[in-house]
Amino acid sequence: MLDKIQTKIESLNTGKKLILGAGIRAEEFPKVQSLCESLQENGLIKIVNAQQTAIIIEKV
């Protein structure tokens, strides 16, 4: 699951946004959130909005 999400993020064009949440099981969501935080720390994405069931990210 995380590999699919990371591939999708990497294929985004700069400035494009992606909503992550639908189809992600509740027990997998903390892993997705950690992945996004890690990618943000590396400067690959920006977390626009994070909630309990969804994260909106933007490719930078």
C-alpha atoms as a PDB file:
ATOM      1  CA  MET A   1       0.000   0.000   0.000  1.00  0.00           C
ATOM      2  CA  LEU A   2       2.733   2.497   0.922  1.00  0.00           C
ATOM      3  CA  ASP A   3       4.657   1.666  -2.254  1.00  0.00           C
ATOM      4  CA  LYS A   4       1.592   2.487  -4.355  1.00  0.00           C
ATOM      5  CA  ILE A   5       1.087   5.782  -2.552  1.00  0.00           C
ATOM      6  CA  GLN A   6       4.734   6.778  -2.845  1.00  0.00           C
ATOM      7  CA  THR A   7       4.717   5.977  -6.579  1.00  0.00           C
ATOM      8  CA  LYS A   8       1.574   8.069  -7.046  1.00  0.00           C
ATOM      9  CA  ILE A   9       3.162  10.991  -5.176  1.00  0.00           C
ATOM     10  CA  GLU A  10       6.364  10.753  -7.217  1.00  0.00           C
ATOM     11  CA  SER A  11       4.382  10.803 -10.474  1.00  0.00           C
ATOM     12  CA  LEU A  12       2.601  14.056  -9.570  1.00  0.00           C
ATOM     13  CA  ASN A  13       3.571  17.198 -11.435  1.00  0.00           C
ATOM     14  CA  THR A  14       4.925  20.107  -9.399  1.00  0.00           C
ATOM     15  CA  GLY A  15       2.111  22.163  -7.905  1.00  0.00           C
ATOM     16  CA  LYS A  16      -0.491  19.406  -8.204  1.00  0.00           C
ATOM     17  CA  LYS A  17      -2.442  18.310  -5.151  1.00  0.00           C
ATOM     18  CA  LEU A  18      -3.474  14.833  -4.063  1.00  0.00           C
ATOM     19  CA  ILE A  19      -6.054  13.783  -1.492  1.00  0.00           C
ATOM     20  CA  LEU A  20      -5.130  10.625   0.393  1.00  0.00           C
ATOM     21  CA  GLY A  21      -7.806   8.953   2.468  1.00  0.00           C
ATOM     22  CA  ALA A  22     -10.417   7.071   0.486  1.00  0.00           C
ATOM     23  CA  GLY A  23      -9.628   3.391   0.347  1.00  0.00           C
ATOM     24  CA  ILE A  24      -6.981   3.516   3.077  1.00  0.00           C
ATOM     25  CA  ARG A  25      -7.818   1.311   6.044  1.00  0.00           C
ATOM     26  CA  ALA A  26      -7.831   2.981   9.448  1.00  0.00           C
ATOM     27  CA  GLU A  27      -4.940   0.853  10.697  1.00  0.00           C
ATOM     28  CA  GLU A  28      -2.831   1.806   7.645  1.00  0.00           C
ATOM     29  CA  PHE A  29      -3.506   5.543   7.896  1.00  0.00           C
ATOM     30  CA  PRO A  30      -0.827   6.328  10.544  1.00  0.00           C
ATOM     31  CA  LYS A  31       1.784   4.750   8.237  1.00  0.00           C
ATOM     32  CA  VAL A  32       0.580   6.917   5.348  1.00  0.00           C
ATOM     33  CA  GLN A  33       0.737   9.987   7.563  1.00  0.00           C
ATOM     34  CA  SER A  34       4.309   9.114   8.617  1.00  0.00           C
ATOM     35  CA  LEU A  35       5.300   8.636   4.975  1.00  0.00           C
ATOM     36  CA  CYS A  36       3.895  12.054   4.063  1.00  0.00           C
ATOM     37  CA  GLU A  37       5.641  13.719   6.996  1.00  0.00           C
ATOM     38  CA  SER A  38       8.921  12.123   5.958  1.00  0.00           C
ATOM     39  CA  LEU A  39       8.505  13.255   2.348  1.00  0.00           C
ATOM     40  CA  GLN A  40       7.696  16.762   3.579  1.00  0.00           C
ATOM     41  CA  GLU A  41      10.867  16.829   5.696  1.00  0.00           C
ATOM     42  CA  ASN A  42      12.824  15.862   2.564  1.00  0.00           C
ATOM     43  CA  GLY A  43      11.231  18.734   0.627  1.00  0.00           C
ATOM     44  CA  LEU A  44       9.347  16.571  -1.873  1.00  0.00           C
ATOM     45  CA  ILE A  45       5.828  17.515  -0.820  1.00  0.00           C
ATOM     46  CA  LYS A  46       3.938  19.974   1.347  1.00  0.00           C
ATOM     47  CA  ILE A  47       1.114  18.787   3.602  1.00  0.00           C
ATOM     48  CA  VAL A  48      -1.705  21.239   2.896  1.00  0.00           C
ATOM     49  CA  ASN A  49      -4.240  19.774   5.323  1.00  0.00           C
ATOM     50  CA  ALA A  50      -4.172  16.749   7.608  1.00  0.00           C
ATOM     51  CA  GLN A  51      -7.198  15.299   9.357  1.00  0.00           C
ATOM     52  CA  GLN A  52      -8.036  11.993  11.027  1.00  0.00           C
ATOM     53  CA  THR A  53      -9.208  10.336   7.799  1.00  0.00           C
ATOM     54  CA  ALA A  54      -7.543  12.287   4.989  1.00  0.00           C
ATOM     55  CA  ILE A  55      -4.393  14.162   4.061  1.00  0.00           C
ATOM     56  CA  ILE A  56      -4.125  16.714   1.262  1.00  0.00           C
ATOM     57  CA  ILE A  57      -0.623  17.071  -0.118  1.00  0.00           C
ATOM     58  CA  GLU A  58       0.956  19.255  -2.793  1.00  0.00           C
ATOM     59  CA  LYS A  59       4.016  18.325  -4.838  1.00  0.00           C
ATOM     60  CA  VAL A  60       6.755  20.958  -4.571  1.00  0.00           C
END
